[in-house]
Amino acid sequence: MDVNPYLNTKTLILGDINSGKTTLTGSVLKALCLQGHGNRTAVVDMAPTIPETLARQKGLPGVGGKIFCPEGESVLYLDGYFEAPRLSSATEAEAIEKARNNWKAINGLFHRLRDTSNRDILLINDISMYLQCGAADALIAWIAPISTVIANGYWGEKLGGGALTQWERAEMHRLRAYFEANGSILMPPFSNTFDALVSGKL
């Protein structure tokens, strides 16, 4: 597997729920480790913790999911407990408050990454969690100094609307523009990308 097309550029993987974003990101991480880049790599995992009973109740089984680092690798893995605001809240105000708490915790992860690491490869799982309360410009300031960034995020309709969704979508537009200017955007179907990883063409 050759991951050179991902190196020294910025890649944003976008799609709806259960479109394969996290699976693809995890496959890239595994390939990076197989090529000896584990000690250069950090993961900021923003994926929320969603009880399976809640996901099924909302008609969204399989939503969310953390990235699993290959055993024995020296990948720096940073995560935390994050709630899924839209799925777990009874009101818009409650959802916004949870999004704000998530944003504060995620900023803490980026501070840890900046202050304790010189990793030049960064993978981000569920980058849209930051944008539910935070601004794209602030997020770009965190990731701009890092030469290789591979991030995935929500871009779909299944989670509905509301003020939180409107803010997230507007900020994702700004983030997309940054990635388009500094790298590339991947959208589903991801089958060709998986095939290329397996065949060694990526």
N, C-alpha and C. Protein backbone atom coordinates (compact mmCIF):
# COMPACT_ATOMS: atom_id res chain seq x y z
N MET A 1 0.84 -1.20 0.00
CA MET A 1 0.00 0.00 0.00
C MET A 1 0.88 1.25 0.00
N ASP A 2 0.60 2.17 -0.89
CA ASP A 2 1.36 3.41 -1.00
C ASP A 2 0.46 4.57 -0.61
N VAL A 3 0.82 5.27 0.45
CA VAL A 3 0.01 6.41 0.89
C VAL A 3 0.64 7.74 0.51
N ASN A 4 1.62 7.72 -0.40
CA ASN A 4 2.28 8.96 -0.80
C ASN A 4 1.32 10.05 -1.27
N PRO A 5 0.23 9.72 -1.99
CA PRO A 5 -0.69 10.79 -2.40
C PRO A 5 -1.32 11.55 -1.22
N TYR A 6 -1.32 10.95 -0.03
CA TYR A 6 -1.87 11.62 1.14
C TYR A 6 -0.84 12.47 1.87
N LEU A 7 0.44 12.24 1.61
CA LEU A 7 1.50 12.90 2.36
C LEU A 7 1.77 14.31 1.82
N ASN A 8 2.11 15.21 2.74
CA ASN A 8 2.46 16.59 2.41
C ASN A 8 1.34 17.32 1.68
N THR A 9 0.12 16.99 2.03
CA THR A 9 -1.04 17.68 1.51
C THR A 9 -2.16 17.55 2.54
N LYS A 10 -3.29 18.14 2.26
CA LYS A 10 -4.41 18.09 3.19
C LYS A 10 -5.62 17.51 2.48
N THR A 11 -6.21 16.47 3.10
CA THR A 11 -7.31 15.72 2.49
C THR A 11 -8.50 15.73 3.43
N LEU A 12 -9.66 16.12 2.90
CA LEU A 12 -10.90 16.14 3.68
C LEU A 12 -11.86 15.11 3.09
N ILE A 13 -12.27 14.16 3.92
CA ILE A 13 -13.17 13.09 3.53
C ILE A 13 -14.56 13.43 4.05
N LEU A 14 -15.51 13.63 3.16
CA LEU A 14 -16.85 14.05 3.55
C LEU A 14 -17.89 13.03 3.10
N GLY A 15 -18.95 12.90 3.91
CA GLY A 15 -20.04 12.01 3.54
C GLY A 15 -21.10 11.98 4.62
N ASP A 16 -22.22 11.34 4.29
CA ASP A 16 -23.32 11.21 5.23
C ASP A 16 -23.00 10.12 6.25
N ILE A 17 -23.89 9.89 7.18
CA ILE A 17 -23.74 8.82 8.16
C ILE A 17 -23.61 7.48 7.45
N ASN A 18 -22.71 6.64 7.96
CA ASN A 18 -22.51 5.28 7.46
C ASN A 18 -22.08 5.24 6.00
N SER A 19 -21.36 6.26 5.55
CA SER A 19 -20.87 6.26 4.17
C SER A 19 -19.46 5.69 4.04
N GLY A 20 -18.81 5.39 5.17
CA GLY A 20 -17.47 4.79 5.13
C GLY A 20 -16.34 5.74 5.44
N LYS A 21 -16.64 6.93 5.94
CA LYS A 21 -15.61 7.94 6.21
C LYS A 21 -14.59 7.45 7.24
N THR A 22 -15.09 6.95 8.36
CA THR A 22 -14.18 6.50 9.42
C THR A 22 -13.42 5.26 9.00
N THR A 23 -14.07 4.36 8.29
CA THR A 23 -13.40 3.15 7.81
C THR A 23 -12.24 3.51 6.89
N LEU A 24 -12.49 4.45 5.98
CA LEU A 24 -11.43 4.88 5.07
C LEU A 24 -10.28 5.53 5.83
N THR A 25 -10.60 6.40 6.78
CA THR A 25 -9.56 7.06 7.56
C THR A 25 -8.74 6.04 8.34
N GLY A 26 -9.41 5.04 8.91
CA GLY A 26 -8.70 3.99 9.63
C GLY A 26 -7.81 3.18 8.71
N SER A 27 -8.24 2.96 7.48
CA SER A 27 -7.43 2.23 6.50
C SER A 27 -6.17 3.02 6.14
N VAL A 28 -6.31 4.33 6.01
CA VAL A 28 -5.15 5.17 5.73
C VAL A 28 -4.19 5.13 6.91
N LEU A 29 -4.70 5.17 8.14
CA LEU A 29 -3.84 5.08 9.32
C LEU A 29 -3.07 3.77 9.33
N LYS A 30 -3.75 2.69 9.05
CA LYS A 30 -3.07 1.38 9.02
C LYS A 30 -1.98 1.37 7.97
N ALA A 31 -2.27 1.92 6.80
CA ALA A 31 -1.27 1.96 5.73
C ALA A 31 -0.07 2.83 6.12
N LEU A 32 -0.33 3.95 6.79
CA LEU A 32 0.76 4.81 7.25
C LEU A 32 1.67 4.05 8.20
N CYS A 33 1.07 3.30 9.11
CA CYS A 33 1.86 2.53 10.07
C CYS A 33 2.67 1.43 9.37
N LEU A 34 2.05 0.76 8.41
CA LEU A 34 2.76 -0.30 7.68
C LEU A 34 3.96 0.25 6.93
N GLN A 35 3.91 1.51 6.53
CA GLN A 35 5.03 2.13 5.82
C GLN A 35 6.01 2.82 6.76
N GLY A 36 5.83 2.63 8.08
CA GLY A 36 6.79 3.14 9.04
C GLY A 36 6.60 4.57 9.47
N HIS A 37 5.38 5.11 9.28
CA HIS A 37 5.12 6.51 9.64
C HIS A 37 4.44 6.67 10.99
N GLY A 38 4.30 5.59 11.76
CA GLY A 38 3.57 5.66 13.02
C GLY A 38 4.12 6.68 13.99
N ASN A 39 5.45 6.80 14.06
CA ASN A 39 6.06 7.73 15.01
C ASN A 39 5.96 9.18 14.56
N ARG A 40 5.47 9.40 13.34
CA ARG A 40 5.25 10.76 12.83
C ARG A 40 3.77 11.16 12.94
N THR A 41 2.92 10.21 13.34
CA THR A 41 1.47 10.37 13.18
C THR A 41 0.77 10.63 14.50
N ALA A 42 -0.18 11.55 14.47
CA ALA A 42 -1.08 11.80 15.60
C ALA A 42 -2.52 11.66 15.11
N VAL A 43 -3.39 11.22 16.00
CA VAL A 43 -4.83 11.12 15.72
C VAL A 43 -5.57 11.96 16.75
N VAL A 44 -6.41 12.87 16.28
CA VAL A 44 -7.35 13.58 17.15
C VAL A 44 -8.73 13.02 16.83
N ASP A 45 -9.27 12.26 17.75
CA ASP A 45 -10.53 11.55 17.52
C ASP A 45 -11.65 12.27 18.25
N MET A 46 -12.50 12.93 17.48
CA MET A 46 -13.61 13.71 18.03
C MET A 46 -14.93 12.95 18.01
N ALA A 47 -14.92 11.71 17.57
CA ALA A 47 -16.17 10.97 17.42
C ALA A 47 -16.91 10.89 18.75
N PRO A 48 -18.22 11.16 18.73
CA PRO A 48 -18.98 11.11 19.98
C PRO A 48 -19.25 9.69 20.44
N THR A 49 -19.52 9.57 21.72
CA THR A 49 -19.94 8.29 22.28
C THR A 49 -21.46 8.21 22.16
N ILE A 50 -21.95 7.24 21.39
CA ILE A 50 -23.39 7.12 21.13
C ILE A 50 -23.84 5.72 21.53
N PRO A 51 -24.63 5.60 22.60
CA PRO A 51 -25.12 4.26 22.98
C PRO A 51 -25.89 3.63 21.82
N GLU A 52 -25.68 2.34 21.62
CA GLU A 52 -26.31 1.66 20.50
C GLU A 52 -27.83 1.74 20.59
N THR A 53 -28.35 1.71 21.83
CA THR A 53 -29.80 1.80 22.00
C THR A 53 -30.33 3.15 21.49
N LEU A 54 -29.58 4.22 21.74
CA LEU A 54 -29.98 5.54 21.27
C LEU A 54 -29.91 5.61 19.75
N ALA A 55 -28.85 5.05 19.18
CA ALA A 55 -28.70 5.07 17.73
C ALA A 55 -29.85 4.32 17.05
N ARG A 56 -30.22 3.19 17.62
CA ARG A 56 -31.32 2.41 17.03
C ARG A 56 -32.65 3.14 17.21
N GLN A 57 -32.83 3.76 18.35
CA GLN A 57 -34.05 4.52 18.62
C GLN A 57 -34.22 5.64 17.60
N LYS A 58 -33.10 6.25 17.18
CA LYS A 58 -33.14 7.33 16.20
C LYS A 58 -33.14 6.81 14.76
N GLY A 59 -33.09 5.49 14.61
CA GLY A 59 -33.06 4.91 13.28
C GLY A 59 -31.73 5.06 12.57
N LEU A 60 -30.65 5.15 13.35
CA LEU A 60 -29.32 5.36 12.78
C LEU A 60 -28.31 4.37 13.36
N PRO A 61 -28.57 3.07 13.23
CA PRO A 61 -27.60 2.09 13.76
C PRO A 61 -26.26 2.23 13.06
N GLY A 62 -25.21 2.08 13.84
CA GLY A 62 -23.87 2.16 13.28
C GLY A 62 -23.31 3.56 13.17
N VAL A 63 -24.04 4.58 13.64
CA VAL A 63 -23.57 5.94 13.55
C VAL A 63 -22.37 6.15 14.47
N GLY A 64 -21.44 6.99 14.04
CA GLY A 64 -20.28 7.28 14.87
C GLY A 64 -19.26 6.16 14.82
N GLY A 65 -18.30 6.26 15.69
CA GLY A 65 -17.27 5.22 15.77
C GLY A 65 -15.88 5.83 15.85
N LYS A 66 -15.08 5.30 16.75
CA LYS A 66 -13.71 5.75 16.93
C LYS A 66 -12.79 5.06 15.92
N ILE A 67 -11.63 5.66 15.73
CA ILE A 67 -10.57 5.04 14.93
C ILE A 67 -9.72 4.19 15.86
N PHE A 68 -9.41 2.98 15.42
CA PHE A 68 -8.57 2.10 16.22
C PHE A 68 -7.15 2.10 15.68
N CYS A 69 -6.19 2.41 16.55
CA CYS A 69 -4.78 2.43 16.14
C CYS A 69 -4.23 1.00 16.14
N PRO A 70 -3.45 0.65 15.13
CA PRO A 70 -2.82 -0.67 15.10
C PRO A 70 -1.98 -0.91 16.35
N GLU A 71 -2.04 -2.11 16.88
CA GLU A 71 -1.28 -2.44 18.10
C GLU A 71 0.22 -2.37 17.84
N GLY A 72 0.93 -1.92 18.87
CA GLY A 72 2.38 -1.89 18.80
C GLY A 72 2.95 -0.69 18.06
N GLU A 73 2.10 0.21 17.60
CA GLU A 73 2.58 1.38 16.88
C GLU A 73 2.69 2.57 17.84
N SER A 74 3.56 3.52 17.48
CA SER A 74 3.80 4.67 18.35
C SER A 74 2.98 5.89 17.91
N VAL A 75 1.78 5.64 17.43
CA VAL A 75 0.88 6.72 17.05
C VAL A 75 0.43 7.47 18.31
N LEU A 76 0.41 8.79 18.26
CA LEU A 76 -0.12 9.59 19.36
C LEU A 76 -1.63 9.70 19.15
N TYR A 77 -2.39 9.11 20.07
CA TYR A 77 -3.85 9.06 19.94
C TYR A 77 -4.48 9.92 21.02
N LEU A 78 -5.22 10.95 20.61
CA LEU A 78 -5.87 11.87 21.53
C LEU A 78 -7.37 11.82 21.31
N ASP A 79 -8.11 11.52 22.36
CA ASP A 79 -9.57 11.52 22.25
C ASP A 79 -10.17 11.91 23.59
N GLY A 80 -11.48 11.86 23.67
CA GLY A 80 -12.18 12.20 24.89
C GLY A 80 -13.61 11.73 24.82
N TYR A 81 -14.36 12.06 25.84
CA TYR A 81 -15.79 11.72 25.84
C TYR A 81 -16.56 12.90 25.27
N PHE A 82 -17.20 12.67 24.14
CA PHE A 82 -17.99 13.70 23.49
C PHE A 82 -19.42 13.20 23.28
N GLU A 83 -20.37 14.05 23.58
CA GLU A 83 -21.77 13.70 23.35
C GLU A 83 -22.19 14.07 21.93
N ALA A 84 -23.19 13.36 21.42
CA ALA A 84 -23.75 13.66 20.11
C ALA A 84 -24.91 14.64 20.31
N PRO A 85 -24.69 15.94 20.13
CA PRO A 85 -25.71 16.93 20.53
C PRO A 85 -27.07 16.72 19.90
N ARG A 86 -27.11 16.48 18.59
CA ARG A 86 -28.41 16.38 17.92
C ARG A 86 -29.16 15.11 18.31
N LEU A 87 -28.43 14.04 18.54
CA LEU A 87 -29.09 12.76 18.84
C LEU A 87 -29.52 12.65 20.29
N SER A 88 -28.81 13.33 21.19
CA SER A 88 -29.02 13.09 22.61
C SER A 88 -29.76 14.22 23.32
N SER A 89 -30.21 15.22 22.59
CA SER A 89 -30.81 16.40 23.23
C SER A 89 -32.30 16.50 22.94
N ALA A 90 -33.03 17.00 23.94
CA ALA A 90 -34.48 17.19 23.79
C ALA A 90 -34.82 18.54 23.20
N THR A 91 -33.89 19.52 23.33
CA THR A 91 -34.15 20.86 22.82
C THR A 91 -32.92 21.38 22.08
N GLU A 92 -33.14 22.40 21.26
CA GLU A 92 -32.03 23.01 20.53
C GLU A 92 -31.04 23.65 21.51
N ALA A 93 -31.54 24.25 22.57
CA ALA A 93 -30.65 24.88 23.56
C ALA A 93 -29.75 23.83 24.22
N GLU A 94 -30.31 22.68 24.52
CA GLU A 94 -29.51 21.61 25.11
C GLU A 94 -28.44 21.14 24.13
N ALA A 95 -28.80 21.00 22.87
CA ALA A 95 -27.85 20.56 21.85
C ALA A 95 -26.70 21.56 21.71
N ILE A 96 -27.01 22.84 21.72
CA ILE A 96 -25.98 23.86 21.58
C ILE A 96 -25.05 23.86 22.79
N GLU A 97 -25.60 23.65 23.98
CA GLU A 97 -24.76 23.59 25.18
C GLU A 97 -23.82 22.39 25.12
N LYS A 98 -24.29 21.26 24.66
CA LYS A 98 -23.43 20.08 24.53
C LYS A 98 -22.35 20.32 23.47
N ALA A 99 -22.73 20.97 22.38
CA ALA A 99 -21.76 21.29 21.33
C ALA A 99 -20.67 22.21 21.87
N ARG A 100 -21.05 23.15 22.71
CA ARG A 100 -20.08 24.08 23.31
C ARG A 100 -19.12 23.31 24.23
N ASN A 101 -19.63 22.39 25.01
CA ASN A 101 -18.77 21.59 25.89
C ASN A 101 -17.81 20.72 25.07
N ASN A 102 -18.31 20.14 23.99
CA ASN A 102 -17.46 19.35 23.11
C ASN A 102 -16.33 20.21 22.54
N TRP A 103 -16.69 21.41 22.08
CA TRP A 103 -15.72 22.32 21.47
C TRP A 103 -14.60 22.67 22.45
N LYS A 104 -14.96 22.94 23.69
CA LYS A 104 -13.95 23.25 24.70
C LYS A 104 -13.00 22.07 24.90
N ALA A 105 -13.54 20.86 24.96
CA ALA A 105 -12.71 19.68 25.16
C ALA A 105 -11.81 19.42 23.95
N ILE A 106 -12.34 19.64 22.76
CA ILE A 106 -11.54 19.43 21.55
C ILE A 106 -10.40 20.43 21.48
N ASN A 107 -10.65 21.68 21.86
CA ASN A 107 -9.56 22.65 21.92
C ASN A 107 -8.45 22.17 22.86
N GLY A 108 -8.86 21.51 23.94
CA GLY A 108 -7.88 20.95 24.86
C GLY A 108 -7.00 19.91 24.18
N LEU A 109 -7.59 19.10 23.31
CA LEU A 109 -6.81 18.09 22.58
C LEU A 109 -5.80 18.76 21.65
N PHE A 110 -6.22 19.82 20.98
CA PHE A 110 -5.30 20.51 20.08
C PHE A 110 -4.17 21.20 20.84
N HIS A 111 -4.48 21.71 22.03
CA HIS A 111 -3.41 22.28 22.86
C HIS A 111 -2.41 21.19 23.24
N ARG A 112 -2.88 20.01 23.60
CA ARG A 112 -1.98 18.91 23.93
C ARG A 112 -1.14 18.53 22.72
N LEU A 113 -1.75 18.48 21.56
CA LEU A 113 -1.01 18.14 20.35
C LEU A 113 0.08 19.16 20.07
N ARG A 114 -0.25 20.43 20.19
CA ARG A 114 0.72 21.48 19.89
C ARG A 114 1.84 21.53 20.92
N ASP A 115 1.50 21.34 22.19
CA ASP A 115 2.47 21.56 23.26
C ASP A 115 3.35 20.36 23.55
N THR A 116 2.92 19.17 23.14
CA THR A 116 3.66 17.96 23.54
C THR A 116 4.15 17.14 22.36
N SER A 117 3.93 17.61 21.13
CA SER A 117 4.23 16.74 20.00
C SER A 117 4.79 17.55 18.83
N ASN A 118 5.67 16.91 18.07
CA ASN A 118 6.16 17.49 16.82
C ASN A 118 5.72 16.62 15.63
N ARG A 119 4.59 15.94 15.78
CA ARG A 119 4.11 15.07 14.72
C ARG A 119 3.74 15.90 13.48
N ASP A 120 4.13 15.40 12.30
CA ASP A 120 3.84 16.14 11.07
C ASP A 120 2.77 15.47 10.21
N ILE A 121 2.16 14.41 10.73
CA ILE A 121 1.02 13.76 10.07
C ILE A 121 -0.13 13.73 11.08
N LEU A 122 -1.26 14.29 10.70
CA LEU A 122 -2.41 14.37 11.61
C LEU A 122 -3.64 13.79 10.94
N LEU A 123 -4.29 12.85 11.63
CA LEU A 123 -5.59 12.33 11.20
C LEU A 123 -6.64 12.83 12.19
N ILE A 124 -7.76 13.30 11.67
CA ILE A 124 -8.85 13.79 12.51
C ILE A 124 -10.12 13.03 12.17
N ASN A 125 -10.70 12.42 13.17
CA ASN A 125 -11.96 11.69 13.00
C ASN A 125 -13.12 12.56 13.46
N ASP A 126 -14.06 12.80 12.54
CA ASP A 126 -15.28 13.58 12.81
C ASP A 126 -14.99 15.04 13.10
N ILE A 127 -14.31 15.68 12.16
CA ILE A 127 -13.91 17.08 12.31
C ILE A 127 -15.11 18.01 12.43
N SER A 128 -16.27 17.56 11.94
CA SER A 128 -17.48 18.39 12.01
C SER A 128 -17.93 18.64 13.45
N MET A 129 -17.51 17.80 14.40
CA MET A 129 -17.85 18.04 15.80
C MET A 129 -17.31 19.39 16.28
N TYR A 130 -16.14 19.78 15.81
CA TYR A 130 -15.58 21.08 16.18
C TYR A 130 -16.43 22.21 15.62
N LEU A 131 -16.95 22.00 14.42
CA LEU A 131 -17.67 23.06 13.72
C LEU A 131 -19.11 23.23 14.18
N GLN A 132 -19.57 22.40 15.10
CA GLN A 132 -20.92 22.58 15.64
C GLN A 132 -20.99 23.79 16.55
N CYS A 133 -19.84 24.24 17.04
CA CYS A 133 -19.80 25.43 17.90
C CYS A 133 -18.65 26.34 17.52
N GLY A 134 -17.54 25.74 17.06
CA GLY A 134 -16.35 26.52 16.74
C GLY A 134 -16.36 27.04 15.32
N ALA A 135 -15.38 27.89 15.02
CA ALA A 135 -15.26 28.51 13.71
C ALA A 135 -14.22 27.81 12.87
N ALA A 136 -14.47 27.74 11.57
CA ALA A 136 -13.53 27.10 10.66
C ALA A 136 -12.16 27.79 10.70
N ASP A 137 -12.14 29.11 10.82
CA ASP A 137 -10.87 29.83 10.84
C ASP A 137 -10.00 29.40 12.02
N ALA A 138 -10.62 29.19 13.18
CA ALA A 138 -9.86 28.74 14.35
C ALA A 138 -9.34 27.32 14.14
N LEU A 139 -10.15 26.47 13.54
CA LEU A 139 -9.72 25.10 13.26
C LEU A 139 -8.57 25.09 12.26
N ILE A 140 -8.68 25.92 11.23
CA ILE A 140 -7.62 26.01 10.22
C ILE A 140 -6.32 26.46 10.86
N ALA A 141 -6.40 27.37 11.84
CA ALA A 141 -5.18 27.82 12.52
C ALA A 141 -4.48 26.67 13.25
N TRP A 142 -5.27 25.71 13.76
CA TRP A 142 -4.68 24.54 14.42
C TRP A 142 -3.98 23.63 13.42
N ILE A 143 -4.60 23.41 12.27
CA ILE A 143 -4.08 22.38 11.36
C ILE A 143 -3.12 22.92 10.31
N ALA A 144 -3.12 24.23 10.06
CA ALA A 144 -2.30 24.79 8.98
C ALA A 144 -0.81 24.48 9.12
N PRO A 145 -0.21 24.51 10.34
CA PRO A 145 1.22 24.25 10.43
C PRO A 145 1.62 22.79 10.18
N ILE A 146 0.66 21.89 10.14
CA ILE A 146 0.95 20.46 10.00
C ILE A 146 0.95 20.10 8.53
N SER A 147 2.02 19.47 8.06
CA SER A 147 2.19 19.28 6.61
C SER A 147 1.21 18.28 6.02
N THR A 148 0.86 17.25 6.77
CA THR A 148 -0.07 16.23 6.27
C THR A 148 -1.28 16.15 7.18
N VAL A 149 -2.45 16.42 6.64
CA VAL A 149 -3.69 16.33 7.41
C VAL A 149 -4.69 15.49 6.61
N ILE A 150 -5.25 14.48 7.27
CA ILE A 150 -6.31 13.66 6.69
C ILE A 150 -7.46 13.69 7.67
N ALA A 151 -8.56 14.31 7.30
CA ALA A 151 -9.69 14.50 8.21
C ALA A 151 -10.98 14.02 7.56
N ASN A 152 -11.90 13.54 8.39
CA ASN A 152 -13.22 13.20 7.87
C ASN A 152 -14.29 13.97 8.63
N GLY A 153 -15.43 14.19 7.97
CA GLY A 153 -16.50 14.94 8.61
C GLY A 153 -17.85 14.67 7.99
N TYR A 154 -18.86 15.05 8.72
CA TYR A 154 -20.25 14.83 8.30
C TYR A 154 -20.66 15.84 7.25
N TRP A 155 -21.25 15.33 6.17
CA TRP A 155 -21.81 16.18 5.11
C TRP A 155 -23.02 15.44 4.56
N GLY A 156 -24.19 15.71 5.14
CA GLY A 156 -25.36 14.95 4.73
C GLY A 156 -26.65 15.57 5.23
N GLU A 157 -27.70 14.76 5.20
CA GLU A 157 -29.03 15.23 5.55
C GLU A 157 -29.68 14.43 6.68
N LYS A 158 -29.10 13.32 7.08
CA LYS A 158 -29.78 12.39 7.98
C LYS A 158 -29.96 12.93 9.39
N LEU A 159 -29.15 13.89 9.80
CA LEU A 159 -29.24 14.41 11.17
C LEU A 159 -30.18 15.60 11.30
N GLY A 160 -30.83 15.98 10.21
CA GLY A 160 -31.85 17.02 10.29
C GLY A 160 -31.27 18.42 10.30
N GLY A 161 -32.15 19.40 10.64
CA GLY A 161 -31.77 20.81 10.57
C GLY A 161 -31.63 21.45 11.94
N GLY A 162 -31.97 22.74 12.01
CA GLY A 162 -31.83 23.47 13.26
C GLY A 162 -30.64 24.41 13.22
N ALA A 163 -30.55 25.26 14.24
CA ALA A 163 -29.50 26.27 14.29
C ALA A 163 -28.11 25.66 14.33
N LEU A 164 -27.95 24.58 15.10
CA LEU A 164 -26.64 23.93 15.20
C LEU A 164 -26.20 23.42 13.83
N THR A 165 -27.11 22.78 13.12
CA THR A 165 -26.79 22.24 11.79
C THR A 165 -26.46 23.36 10.82
N GLN A 166 -27.20 24.44 10.88
CA GLN A 166 -26.95 25.57 9.97
C GLN A 166 -25.56 26.16 10.20
N TRP A 167 -25.18 26.31 11.48
CA TRP A 167 -23.85 26.83 11.79
C TRP A 167 -22.78 25.85 11.29
N GLU A 168 -22.96 24.58 11.59
CA GLU A 168 -21.99 23.56 11.19
C GLU A 168 -21.81 23.55 9.67
N ARG A 169 -22.91 23.61 8.92
CA ARG A 169 -22.84 23.56 7.47
C ARG A 169 -22.12 24.80 6.91
N ALA A 170 -22.41 25.97 7.46
CA ALA A 170 -21.75 27.19 6.99
C ALA A 170 -20.24 27.14 7.24
N GLU A 171 -19.85 26.67 8.44
CA GLU A 171 -18.42 26.58 8.74
C GLU A 171 -17.75 25.48 7.94
N MET A 172 -18.47 24.40 7.65
CA MET A 172 -17.90 23.33 6.82
C MET A 172 -17.65 23.85 5.40
N HIS A 173 -18.51 24.71 4.91
CA HIS A 173 -18.26 25.33 3.60
C HIS A 173 -16.91 26.06 3.61
N ARG A 174 -16.63 26.78 4.69
CA ARG A 174 -15.37 27.51 4.79
C ARG A 174 -14.19 26.53 4.89
N LEU A 175 -14.39 25.47 5.65
CA LEU A 175 -13.31 24.48 5.78
C LEU A 175 -13.06 23.77 4.45
N ARG A 176 -14.14 23.46 3.72
CA ARG A 176 -13.99 22.84 2.40
C ARG A 176 -13.16 23.73 1.48
N ALA A 177 -13.42 25.01 1.50
CA ALA A 177 -12.67 25.93 0.64
C ALA A 177 -11.18 25.89 0.96
N TYR A 178 -10.86 25.78 2.25
CA TYR A 178 -9.45 25.70 2.65
C TYR A 178 -8.82 24.41 2.12
N PHE A 179 -9.49 23.28 2.29
CA PHE A 179 -8.94 22.01 1.82
C PHE A 179 -8.84 21.99 0.30
N GLU A 180 -9.81 22.55 -0.39
CA GLU A 180 -9.74 22.58 -1.84
C GLU A 180 -8.55 23.41 -2.33
N ALA A 181 -8.22 24.47 -1.59
CA ALA A 181 -7.09 25.32 -1.97
C ALA A 181 -5.75 24.72 -1.58
N ASN A 182 -5.75 23.80 -0.60
CA ASN A 182 -4.49 23.27 -0.07
C ASN A 182 -4.36 21.76 -0.21
N GLY A 183 -5.31 21.12 -0.87
CA GLY A 183 -5.26 19.67 -1.00
C GLY A 183 -6.42 19.16 -1.84
N SER A 184 -7.27 18.33 -1.22
CA SER A 184 -8.35 17.72 -1.99
C SER A 184 -9.50 17.32 -1.08
N ILE A 185 -10.65 17.07 -1.72
CA ILE A 185 -11.86 16.60 -1.06
C ILE A 185 -12.21 15.23 -1.61
N LEU A 186 -12.51 14.27 -0.74
CA LEU A 186 -13.00 12.96 -1.16
C LEU A 186 -14.45 12.83 -0.72
N MET A 187 -15.31 12.39 -1.64
CA MET A 187 -16.73 12.21 -1.36
C MET A 187 -17.12 10.78 -1.74
N PRO A 188 -18.19 10.23 -1.14
CA PRO A 188 -18.61 8.87 -1.50
C PRO A 188 -19.13 8.83 -2.94
N PRO A 189 -19.09 7.65 -3.58
CA PRO A 189 -18.67 6.36 -2.99
C PRO A 189 -17.16 6.26 -2.87
N PHE A 190 -16.71 5.61 -1.80
CA PHE A 190 -15.29 5.46 -1.54
C PHE A 190 -14.73 4.14 -2.05
N SER A 191 -15.52 3.36 -2.75
CA SER A 191 -15.10 2.01 -3.16
C SER A 191 -13.82 2.06 -3.99
N ASN A 192 -13.70 3.03 -4.89
CA ASN A 192 -12.49 3.11 -5.71
C ASN A 192 -11.27 3.43 -4.86
N THR A 193 -11.46 4.25 -3.82
CA THR A 193 -10.35 4.58 -2.93
C THR A 193 -9.91 3.37 -2.14
N PHE A 194 -10.89 2.57 -1.63
CA PHE A 194 -10.55 1.34 -0.92
C PHE A 194 -9.79 0.40 -1.84
N ASP A 195 -10.29 0.24 -3.07
CA ASP A 195 -9.64 -0.66 -4.03
C ASP A 195 -8.19 -0.23 -4.30
N ALA A 196 -8.00 1.10 -4.42
CA ALA A 196 -6.65 1.61 -4.67
C ALA A 196 -5.73 1.35 -3.49
N LEU A 197 -6.24 1.50 -2.27
CA LEU A 197 -5.42 1.21 -1.09
C LEU A 197 -5.00 -0.25 -1.06
N VAL A 198 -5.95 -1.14 -1.33
CA VAL A 198 -5.66 -2.57 -1.27
C VAL A 198 -4.68 -2.97 -2.37
N SER A 199 -4.83 -2.38 -3.56
CA SER A 199 -3.98 -2.75 -4.70
C SER A 199 -2.61 -2.07 -4.66
N GLY A 200 -2.44 -1.10 -3.74
CA GLY A 200 -1.17 -0.41 -3.66
C GLY A 200 -1.06 0.79 -4.56
N LYS A 201 -2.18 1.23 -5.15
CA LYS A 201 -2.13 2.38 -6.05
C LYS A 201 -2.34 3.70 -5.32
N LEU A 202 -2.62 3.63 -4.02
CA LEU A 202 -2.70 4.85 -3.21
C LEU A 202 -1.63 4.78 -2.13
